[in-house]
Amino acid sequence: MKKKFKNKGILFWITGLSGSGKTTIAKTILPKIIQKFGPTIHLDGDQLRKSLNLYGYSYKDRLDNSKKMTNIAKIITDQNINVVFSILGLISKIRTRNKKIFKNYIEVFINTKLENIIKLKKKKTYYQKKNVVGVNIKPEFPKKSDVVINDLINKKNFENEIFKEILKSVKKKL
């Protein structure tokens, strides 16, 4: 039987630097979350940004865009559908707002060193000249995430470990 929480869906907020593995984690754990918690969708910050024409990369633009995107997640969770949201989300105001407006909120922080991401050369983002989080926009890393995954880049078969940590957080918090 799939468990429901407080008549609202759960927001699984997966945050970290660009290239840290957020979307990979989201896609990997999505089937397990569906199996355990019922109807669930994955929202990807990059896809939403493109679909909704949310351009602008300054700190203010990122803050405004994040608010718009989390409003979409709120509409979905209010319909008792879970959301696995992979998003840069390294703005404290957004995470504080999430904790207030989502009854069921699990924050997963992918803590990967910028230099390790850059070494892989998978993200062109880091070679731009301005408005890059981690380069010239200071990331506001979470201080108290429900789940912290360190150096995902070096891990293999991580999905079971991450899902177990998420389950612990759901049981403890919700």
N, C-alpha and C. Protein backbone atom coordinates (compact mmCIF):
# COMPACT_ATOMS: atom_id res chain seq x y z
N MET A 1 0.84 -1.19 0.00
CA MET A 1 0.00 0.00 0.00
C MET A 1 0.88 1.25 0.00
N LYS A 2 0.53 2.17 -0.84
CA LYS A 2 1.30 3.41 -0.94
C LYS A 2 0.82 4.37 0.13
N LYS A 3 1.76 4.95 0.82
CA LYS A 3 1.45 5.81 1.95
C LYS A 3 1.23 7.25 1.50
N LYS A 4 0.23 7.90 2.03
CA LYS A 4 -0.05 9.31 1.74
C LYS A 4 0.30 10.12 2.98
N PHE A 5 0.75 11.35 2.78
CA PHE A 5 1.18 12.19 3.87
C PHE A 5 0.40 13.49 3.88
N LYS A 6 -0.31 13.74 4.99
CA LYS A 6 -0.96 15.02 5.23
C LYS A 6 -1.76 15.52 4.02
N ASN A 7 -2.37 14.58 3.29
CA ASN A 7 -3.22 14.91 2.14
C ASN A 7 -2.56 15.81 1.11
N LYS A 8 -1.29 15.77 1.02
CA LYS A 8 -0.54 16.53 0.01
C LYS A 8 0.58 15.63 -0.51
N GLY A 9 1.03 15.92 -1.72
CA GLY A 9 2.19 15.20 -2.24
C GLY A 9 3.46 15.65 -1.53
N ILE A 10 4.49 14.89 -1.72
CA ILE A 10 5.80 15.21 -1.14
C ILE A 10 6.64 15.90 -2.21
N LEU A 11 7.32 16.97 -1.82
CA LEU A 11 8.30 17.59 -2.70
C LEU A 11 9.68 17.08 -2.29
N PHE A 12 10.32 16.35 -3.20
CA PHE A 12 11.70 15.90 -3.02
C PHE A 12 12.56 16.89 -3.78
N TRP A 13 13.17 17.82 -3.08
CA TRP A 13 13.94 18.92 -3.66
C TRP A 13 15.39 18.49 -3.74
N ILE A 14 15.90 18.25 -4.95
CA ILE A 14 17.28 17.79 -5.13
C ILE A 14 18.09 18.97 -5.65
N THR A 15 19.04 19.42 -4.83
CA THR A 15 19.79 20.63 -5.13
C THR A 15 21.29 20.38 -5.11
N GLY A 16 22.02 21.20 -5.83
CA GLY A 16 23.47 21.10 -5.88
C GLY A 16 23.97 21.90 -7.07
N LEU A 17 25.26 22.00 -7.18
CA LEU A 17 25.87 22.74 -8.29
C LEU A 17 25.51 22.11 -9.64
N SER A 18 25.60 22.91 -10.69
CA SER A 18 25.40 22.41 -12.03
C SER A 18 26.43 21.32 -12.32
N GLY A 19 25.96 20.18 -12.78
CA GLY A 19 26.86 19.07 -13.08
C GLY A 19 27.12 18.13 -11.92
N SER A 20 26.46 18.35 -10.78
CA SER A 20 26.72 17.52 -9.60
C SER A 20 25.99 16.18 -9.62
N GLY A 21 25.01 16.02 -10.52
CA GLY A 21 24.30 14.74 -10.62
C GLY A 21 22.84 14.79 -10.19
N LYS A 22 22.27 15.98 -10.07
CA LYS A 22 20.89 16.12 -9.60
C LYS A 22 19.88 15.38 -10.48
N THR A 23 19.96 15.63 -11.78
CA THR A 23 19.01 15.01 -12.70
C THR A 23 19.22 13.51 -12.78
N THR A 24 20.45 13.07 -12.74
CA THR A 24 20.75 11.64 -12.75
C THR A 24 20.12 10.96 -11.53
N ILE A 25 20.28 11.57 -10.37
CA ILE A 25 19.68 11.02 -9.16
C ILE A 25 18.17 10.99 -9.28
N ALA A 26 17.59 12.10 -9.71
CA ALA A 26 16.13 12.19 -9.82
C ALA A 26 15.58 11.08 -10.71
N LYS A 27 16.17 10.91 -11.87
CA LYS A 27 15.69 9.89 -12.81
C LYS A 27 15.89 8.47 -12.26
N THR A 28 16.95 8.29 -11.50
CA THR A 28 17.25 6.97 -10.96
C THR A 28 16.32 6.58 -9.81
N ILE A 29 16.02 7.54 -8.94
CA ILE A 29 15.18 7.20 -7.79
C ILE A 29 13.69 7.34 -8.08
N LEU A 30 13.31 7.97 -9.18
CA LEU A 30 11.90 8.20 -9.50
C LEU A 30 11.07 6.91 -9.45
N PRO A 31 11.47 5.81 -10.10
CA PRO A 31 10.63 4.60 -10.03
C PRO A 31 10.45 4.07 -8.61
N LYS A 32 11.48 4.20 -7.79
CA LYS A 32 11.39 3.73 -6.40
C LYS A 32 10.42 4.60 -5.59
N ILE A 33 10.45 5.91 -5.85
CA ILE A 33 9.55 6.81 -5.14
C ILE A 33 8.11 6.55 -5.58
N ILE A 34 7.90 6.31 -6.86
CA ILE A 34 6.55 5.97 -7.36
C ILE A 34 6.06 4.71 -6.67
N GLN A 35 6.91 3.71 -6.62
CA GLN A 35 6.53 2.43 -6.00
C GLN A 35 6.17 2.60 -4.53
N LYS A 36 6.93 3.40 -3.81
CA LYS A 36 6.74 3.55 -2.36
C LYS A 36 5.67 4.58 -2.00
N PHE A 37 5.59 5.68 -2.77
CA PHE A 37 4.75 6.80 -2.36
C PHE A 37 3.63 7.16 -3.33
N GLY A 38 3.51 6.44 -4.43
CA GLY A 38 2.41 6.68 -5.34
C GLY A 38 2.74 7.66 -6.45
N PRO A 39 1.70 8.26 -7.04
CA PRO A 39 1.88 9.11 -8.22
C PRO A 39 2.95 10.18 -8.00
N THR A 40 3.92 10.20 -8.90
CA THR A 40 5.07 11.10 -8.76
C THR A 40 5.53 11.52 -10.14
N ILE A 41 5.92 12.79 -10.26
CA ILE A 41 6.52 13.25 -11.50
C ILE A 41 7.89 13.86 -11.21
N HIS A 42 8.69 13.93 -12.25
CA HIS A 42 10.00 14.58 -12.15
C HIS A 42 9.92 15.91 -12.86
N LEU A 43 10.32 16.97 -12.18
CA LEU A 43 10.49 18.28 -12.79
C LEU A 43 11.97 18.59 -12.80
N ASP A 44 12.45 19.04 -13.94
CA ASP A 44 13.85 19.38 -14.09
C ASP A 44 13.95 20.89 -14.29
N GLY A 45 14.77 21.55 -13.48
CA GLY A 45 14.90 23.01 -13.55
C GLY A 45 15.31 23.50 -14.92
N ASP A 46 16.25 22.82 -15.57
CA ASP A 46 16.70 23.25 -16.90
C ASP A 46 15.57 23.15 -17.92
N GLN A 47 14.81 22.06 -17.88
CA GLN A 47 13.70 21.89 -18.82
C GLN A 47 12.61 22.93 -18.59
N LEU A 48 12.29 23.19 -17.32
CA LEU A 48 11.28 24.20 -17.01
C LEU A 48 11.73 25.58 -17.48
N ARG A 49 12.97 25.90 -17.23
CA ARG A 49 13.52 27.20 -17.64
C ARG A 49 13.32 27.39 -19.15
N LYS A 50 13.64 26.36 -19.93
CA LYS A 50 13.49 26.45 -21.39
C LYS A 50 12.02 26.50 -21.79
N SER A 51 11.21 25.63 -21.21
CA SER A 51 9.79 25.55 -21.58
C SER A 51 9.03 26.83 -21.26
N LEU A 52 9.39 27.47 -20.18
CA LEU A 52 8.67 28.66 -19.73
C LEU A 52 9.38 29.96 -20.12
N ASN A 53 10.44 29.85 -20.91
CA ASN A 53 11.24 31.02 -21.31
C ASN A 53 11.67 31.86 -20.11
N LEU A 54 12.19 31.20 -19.11
CA LEU A 54 12.65 31.88 -17.90
C LEU A 54 14.15 32.15 -18.02
N TYR A 55 14.47 33.12 -18.86
CA TYR A 55 15.87 33.43 -19.07
C TYR A 55 16.32 34.53 -18.13
N GLY A 56 17.57 34.73 -18.08
CA GLY A 56 18.18 35.64 -17.13
C GLY A 56 18.87 34.81 -16.07
N TYR A 57 20.11 35.13 -15.82
CA TYR A 57 20.91 34.29 -14.94
C TYR A 57 21.51 35.04 -13.77
N SER A 58 21.12 36.30 -13.59
CA SER A 58 21.62 37.04 -12.43
C SER A 58 21.01 36.42 -11.17
N TYR A 59 21.52 36.82 -10.04
CA TYR A 59 20.97 36.31 -8.77
C TYR A 59 19.47 36.60 -8.69
N LYS A 60 19.07 37.83 -9.00
CA LYS A 60 17.65 38.21 -8.94
C LYS A 60 16.81 37.39 -9.92
N ASP A 61 17.31 37.21 -11.14
CA ASP A 61 16.60 36.39 -12.12
C ASP A 61 16.43 34.96 -11.62
N ARG A 62 17.50 34.42 -11.05
CA ARG A 62 17.45 33.05 -10.54
C ARG A 62 16.44 32.93 -9.39
N LEU A 63 16.40 33.93 -8.53
CA LEU A 63 15.45 33.93 -7.42
C LEU A 63 14.02 33.98 -7.96
N ASP A 64 13.75 34.90 -8.87
CA ASP A 64 12.41 35.02 -9.46
C ASP A 64 12.00 33.74 -10.20
N ASN A 65 12.91 33.19 -10.98
CA ASN A 65 12.61 31.97 -11.73
C ASN A 65 12.36 30.79 -10.81
N SER A 66 13.13 30.69 -9.75
CA SER A 66 12.93 29.60 -8.79
C SER A 66 11.57 29.70 -8.12
N LYS A 67 11.13 30.90 -7.80
CA LYS A 67 9.80 31.08 -7.22
C LYS A 67 8.72 30.61 -8.18
N LYS A 68 8.85 30.97 -9.44
CA LYS A 68 7.87 30.55 -10.44
C LYS A 68 7.84 29.03 -10.58
N MET A 69 9.01 28.42 -10.61
CA MET A 69 9.08 26.97 -10.76
C MET A 69 8.54 26.24 -9.53
N THR A 70 8.83 26.76 -8.34
CA THR A 70 8.30 26.09 -7.15
C THR A 70 6.79 26.29 -7.04
N ASN A 71 6.27 27.37 -7.61
CA ASN A 71 4.81 27.54 -7.65
C ASN A 71 4.15 26.42 -8.46
N ILE A 72 4.81 26.00 -9.52
CA ILE A 72 4.30 24.87 -10.32
C ILE A 72 4.33 23.59 -9.48
N ALA A 73 5.42 23.37 -8.77
CA ALA A 73 5.52 22.19 -7.90
C ALA A 73 4.42 22.21 -6.84
N LYS A 74 4.10 23.38 -6.33
CA LYS A 74 3.05 23.52 -5.30
C LYS A 74 1.68 23.12 -5.87
N ILE A 75 1.39 23.56 -7.08
CA ILE A 75 0.12 23.19 -7.71
C ILE A 75 0.01 21.67 -7.81
N ILE A 76 1.11 21.03 -8.16
CA ILE A 76 1.11 19.57 -8.33
C ILE A 76 0.98 18.85 -6.99
N THR A 77 1.79 19.25 -5.99
CA THR A 77 1.73 18.57 -4.69
C THR A 77 0.39 18.80 -4.00
N ASP A 78 -0.25 19.93 -4.25
CA ASP A 78 -1.58 20.19 -3.67
C ASP A 78 -2.63 19.22 -4.21
N GLN A 79 -2.31 18.56 -5.31
CA GLN A 79 -3.21 17.56 -5.89
C GLN A 79 -2.82 16.14 -5.47
N ASN A 80 -2.02 16.06 -4.40
CA ASN A 80 -1.60 14.78 -3.82
C ASN A 80 -0.73 13.98 -4.79
N ILE A 81 0.06 14.69 -5.57
CA ILE A 81 1.03 14.06 -6.47
C ILE A 81 2.42 14.50 -6.00
N ASN A 82 3.32 13.54 -5.87
CA ASN A 82 4.68 13.84 -5.43
C ASN A 82 5.48 14.44 -6.58
N VAL A 83 6.46 15.26 -6.23
CA VAL A 83 7.34 15.87 -7.22
C VAL A 83 8.79 15.61 -6.81
N VAL A 84 9.55 15.04 -7.72
CA VAL A 84 10.99 14.95 -7.57
C VAL A 84 11.53 16.09 -8.43
N PHE A 85 12.10 17.10 -7.78
CA PHE A 85 12.50 18.32 -8.46
C PHE A 85 14.02 18.45 -8.44
N SER A 86 14.65 18.31 -9.60
CA SER A 86 16.10 18.50 -9.70
C SER A 86 16.34 19.92 -10.19
N ILE A 87 16.95 20.71 -9.32
CA ILE A 87 17.11 22.14 -9.60
C ILE A 87 18.36 22.66 -8.89
N LEU A 88 19.01 23.62 -9.51
CA LEU A 88 20.19 24.22 -8.89
C LEU A 88 19.83 24.67 -7.47
N GLY A 89 18.84 25.50 -7.32
CA GLY A 89 18.23 25.83 -6.04
C GLY A 89 19.17 26.22 -4.91
N LEU A 90 20.28 26.84 -5.21
CA LEU A 90 21.24 27.19 -4.16
C LEU A 90 21.04 28.63 -3.69
N ILE A 91 19.77 28.95 -3.40
CA ILE A 91 19.40 30.25 -2.85
C ILE A 91 18.64 29.98 -1.55
N SER A 92 19.17 30.48 -0.46
CA SER A 92 18.58 30.21 0.86
C SER A 92 17.13 30.64 0.95
N LYS A 93 16.79 31.80 0.37
CA LYS A 93 15.41 32.30 0.43
C LYS A 93 14.42 31.30 -0.17
N ILE A 94 14.81 30.64 -1.24
CA ILE A 94 13.91 29.68 -1.89
C ILE A 94 13.70 28.46 -0.99
N ARG A 95 14.77 27.94 -0.43
CA ARG A 95 14.64 26.76 0.43
C ARG A 95 13.85 27.09 1.69
N THR A 96 14.05 28.28 2.25
CA THR A 96 13.27 28.71 3.43
C THR A 96 11.79 28.81 3.05
N ARG A 97 11.52 29.39 1.89
CA ARG A 97 10.14 29.51 1.40
C ARG A 97 9.53 28.12 1.21
N ASN A 98 10.29 27.20 0.62
CA ASN A 98 9.80 25.84 0.41
C ASN A 98 9.37 25.20 1.73
N LYS A 99 10.19 25.37 2.75
CA LYS A 99 9.88 24.76 4.05
C LYS A 99 8.59 25.31 4.64
N LYS A 100 8.24 26.54 4.27
CA LYS A 100 7.01 27.15 4.77
C LYS A 100 5.79 26.73 3.95
N ILE A 101 5.93 26.64 2.63
CA ILE A 101 4.73 26.42 1.80
C ILE A 101 4.45 24.95 1.47
N PHE A 102 5.42 24.06 1.66
CA PHE A 102 5.19 22.65 1.39
C PHE A 102 5.07 21.90 2.71
N LYS A 103 3.92 21.26 2.91
CA LYS A 103 3.73 20.49 4.14
C LYS A 103 4.66 19.29 4.20
N ASN A 104 4.93 18.73 3.05
CA ASN A 104 5.78 17.53 2.96
C ASN A 104 6.98 17.87 2.09
N TYR A 105 8.09 18.15 2.73
CA TYR A 105 9.27 18.65 2.02
C TYR A 105 10.51 17.88 2.46
N ILE A 106 11.19 17.27 1.49
CA ILE A 106 12.44 16.57 1.75
C ILE A 106 13.52 17.20 0.87
N GLU A 107 14.57 17.69 1.51
CA GLU A 107 15.64 18.37 0.79
C GLU A 107 16.85 17.44 0.69
N VAL A 108 17.30 17.22 -0.54
CA VAL A 108 18.46 16.38 -0.81
C VAL A 108 19.54 17.29 -1.41
N PHE A 109 20.67 17.38 -0.75
CA PHE A 109 21.78 18.22 -1.21
C PHE A 109 22.90 17.35 -1.75
N ILE A 110 23.25 17.56 -3.01
CA ILE A 110 24.36 16.86 -3.63
C ILE A 110 25.59 17.75 -3.45
N ASN A 111 26.42 17.38 -2.52
CA ASN A 111 27.59 18.17 -2.14
C ASN A 111 28.81 17.68 -2.92
N THR A 112 29.07 18.37 -4.02
CA THR A 112 30.19 18.00 -4.88
C THR A 112 31.09 19.21 -5.05
N LYS A 113 32.37 19.02 -4.94
CA LYS A 113 33.31 20.13 -5.10
C LYS A 113 33.33 20.59 -6.55
N LEU A 114 33.32 21.91 -6.71
CA LEU A 114 33.31 22.52 -8.04
C LEU A 114 34.47 22.02 -8.90
N GLU A 115 35.63 21.92 -8.31
CA GLU A 115 36.80 21.48 -9.09
C GLU A 115 36.62 20.06 -9.64
N ASN A 116 35.91 19.20 -8.91
CA ASN A 116 35.65 17.84 -9.40
C ASN A 116 34.70 17.85 -10.59
N ILE A 117 33.72 18.75 -10.55
CA ILE A 117 32.77 18.87 -11.66
C ILE A 117 33.49 19.42 -12.89
N ILE A 118 34.28 20.45 -12.70
CA ILE A 118 34.99 21.08 -13.81
C ILE A 118 35.95 20.10 -14.49
N LYS A 119 36.59 19.23 -13.70
CA LYS A 119 37.53 18.25 -14.26
C LYS A 119 36.85 17.34 -15.28
N LEU A 120 35.57 17.05 -15.08
CA LEU A 120 34.85 16.16 -16.00
C LEU A 120 34.53 16.82 -17.34
N LYS A 121 34.54 18.14 -17.37
CA LYS A 121 34.30 18.93 -18.59
C LYS A 121 32.97 18.59 -19.26
N LYS A 122 31.95 18.28 -18.46
CA LYS A 122 30.64 17.97 -19.01
C LYS A 122 29.74 19.21 -19.10
N LYS A 123 30.06 20.22 -18.34
CA LYS A 123 29.21 21.41 -18.28
C LYS A 123 29.91 22.61 -18.89
N LYS A 124 29.37 23.11 -19.97
CA LYS A 124 29.93 24.31 -20.61
C LYS A 124 29.69 25.54 -19.75
N THR A 125 28.72 25.44 -18.86
CA THR A 125 28.35 26.54 -17.97
C THR A 125 29.57 27.17 -17.31
N TYR A 126 30.50 26.35 -16.89
CA TYR A 126 31.63 26.83 -16.10
C TYR A 126 32.67 27.59 -16.93
N TYR A 127 32.48 27.64 -18.23
CA TYR A 127 33.42 28.36 -19.08
C TYR A 127 32.85 29.70 -19.55
N GLN A 128 31.64 30.03 -19.06
CA GLN A 128 31.06 31.33 -19.36
C GLN A 128 31.74 32.37 -18.49
N LYS A 129 31.51 33.63 -18.81
CA LYS A 129 32.23 34.68 -18.10
C LYS A 129 31.48 35.27 -16.92
N LYS A 130 30.12 35.21 -16.92
CA LYS A 130 29.39 35.85 -15.83
C LYS A 130 28.14 35.07 -15.45
N ASN A 131 27.62 35.40 -14.28
CA ASN A 131 26.38 34.82 -13.76
C ASN A 131 26.41 33.29 -13.65
N VAL A 132 27.53 32.75 -13.22
CA VAL A 132 27.66 31.31 -13.05
C VAL A 132 27.74 31.01 -11.56
N VAL A 133 26.77 30.23 -11.07
CA VAL A 133 26.76 29.86 -9.66
C VAL A 133 27.97 28.98 -9.38
N GLY A 134 28.73 29.36 -8.39
CA GLY A 134 29.94 28.64 -8.02
C GLY A 134 31.19 29.31 -8.56
N VAL A 135 31.01 30.17 -9.57
CA VAL A 135 32.14 30.88 -10.14
C VAL A 135 32.08 32.35 -9.73
N ASN A 136 31.06 33.06 -10.21
CA ASN A 136 30.95 34.47 -9.82
C ASN A 136 29.61 34.83 -9.17
N ILE A 137 28.76 33.85 -8.96
CA ILE A 137 27.61 34.01 -8.06
C ILE A 137 27.86 33.00 -6.94
N LYS A 138 27.94 33.52 -5.73
CA LYS A 138 28.25 32.66 -4.59
C LYS A 138 27.06 31.73 -4.31
N PRO A 139 27.30 30.41 -4.31
CA PRO A 139 26.21 29.50 -3.98
C PRO A 139 25.89 29.58 -2.49
N GLU A 140 24.62 29.50 -2.18
CA GLU A 140 24.18 29.48 -0.78
C GLU A 140 23.84 28.03 -0.46
N PHE A 141 24.86 27.29 -0.06
CA PHE A 141 24.68 25.86 0.21
C PHE A 141 23.79 25.66 1.43
N PRO A 142 22.96 24.61 1.39
CA PRO A 142 22.11 24.32 2.54
C PRO A 142 22.94 23.96 3.76
N LYS A 143 22.46 24.36 4.92
CA LYS A 143 23.15 24.03 6.17
C LYS A 143 22.53 22.81 6.85
N LYS A 144 21.24 22.58 6.60
CA LYS A 144 20.54 21.47 7.27
C LYS A 144 19.61 20.75 6.30
N SER A 145 20.18 20.10 5.31
CA SER A 145 19.37 19.30 4.39
C SER A 145 18.98 18.00 5.08
N ASP A 146 17.88 17.42 4.61
CA ASP A 146 17.44 16.13 5.16
C ASP A 146 18.40 15.01 4.75
N VAL A 147 18.90 15.09 3.53
CA VAL A 147 19.84 14.09 3.01
C VAL A 147 20.99 14.84 2.35
N VAL A 148 22.22 14.46 2.69
CA VAL A 148 23.40 15.05 2.06
C VAL A 148 24.18 13.91 1.41
N ILE A 149 24.45 14.07 0.13
CA ILE A 149 25.23 13.08 -0.61
C ILE A 149 26.55 13.76 -0.98
N ASN A 150 27.64 13.22 -0.49
CA ASN A 150 28.96 13.80 -0.74
C ASN A 150 29.63 13.12 -1.92
N ASP A 151 30.21 13.94 -2.80
CA ASP A 151 31.03 13.46 -3.92
C ASP A 151 30.38 12.34 -4.72
N LEU A 152 29.18 12.60 -5.19
CA LEU A 152 28.45 11.62 -6.00
C LEU A 152 29.23 11.22 -7.24
N ILE A 153 30.00 12.13 -7.78
CA ILE A 153 30.75 11.87 -9.01
C ILE A 153 31.60 10.61 -8.89
N ASN A 154 32.12 10.35 -7.71
CA ASN A 154 33.01 9.20 -7.51
C ASN A 154 32.29 7.94 -7.07
N LYS A 155 30.97 7.98 -6.98
CA LYS A 155 30.23 6.81 -6.47
C LYS A 155 29.64 5.99 -7.60
N LYS A 156 29.56 4.70 -7.37
CA LYS A 156 28.91 3.77 -8.29
C LYS A 156 27.74 3.15 -7.54
N ASN A 157 26.70 2.80 -8.26
CA ASN A 157 25.52 2.15 -7.67
C ASN A 157 25.00 2.91 -6.45
N PHE A 158 24.84 4.19 -6.62
CA PHE A 158 24.47 5.08 -5.53
C PHE A 158 22.97 5.10 -5.22
N GLU A 159 22.13 4.65 -6.16
CA GLU A 159 20.69 4.86 -6.02
C GLU A 159 20.08 4.20 -4.79
N ASN A 160 20.52 3.01 -4.44
CA ASN A 160 19.96 2.34 -3.25
C ASN A 160 20.33 3.09 -1.98
N GLU A 161 21.58 3.53 -1.91
CA GLU A 161 22.04 4.29 -0.74
C GLU A 161 21.23 5.58 -0.58
N ILE A 162 21.06 6.29 -1.67
CA ILE A 162 20.32 7.55 -1.63
C ILE A 162 18.87 7.31 -1.26
N PHE A 163 18.26 6.32 -1.88
CA PHE A 163 16.86 6.04 -1.59
C PHE A 163 16.66 5.64 -0.13
N LYS A 164 17.58 4.86 0.44
CA LYS A 164 17.49 4.49 1.86
C LYS A 164 17.55 5.73 2.75
N GLU A 165 18.43 6.67 2.41
CA GLU A 165 18.54 7.91 3.18
C GLU A 165 17.25 8.74 3.05
N ILE A 166 16.68 8.77 1.86
CA ILE A 166 15.43 9.50 1.66
C ILE A 166 14.31 8.86 2.48
N LEU A 167 14.24 7.54 2.47
CA LEU A 167 13.22 6.84 3.27
C LEU A 167 13.35 7.17 4.75
N LYS A 168 14.58 7.17 5.26
CA LYS A 168 14.80 7.52 6.66
C LYS A 168 14.28 8.92 6.95
N SER A 169 14.56 9.85 6.05
CA SER A 169 14.12 11.24 6.24
C SER A 169 12.60 11.35 6.21
N VAL A 170 11.98 10.64 5.29
CA VAL A 170 10.51 10.68 5.21
C VAL A 170 9.91 10.14 6.50
N LYS A 171 10.42 9.01 6.98
CA LYS A 171 9.89 8.40 8.21
C LYS A 171 10.09 9.33 9.41
N LYS A 172 11.24 9.95 9.48
CA LYS A 172 11.59 10.82 10.60
C LYS A 172 10.80 12.14 10.55
N LYS A 173 10.69 12.69 9.38
CA LYS A 173 10.17 14.05 9.23
C LYS A 173 8.66 14.10 8.99
N LEU A 174 8.16 13.16 8.21
CA LEU A 174 6.75 13.20 7.84
C LEU A 174 6.00 12.16 8.62
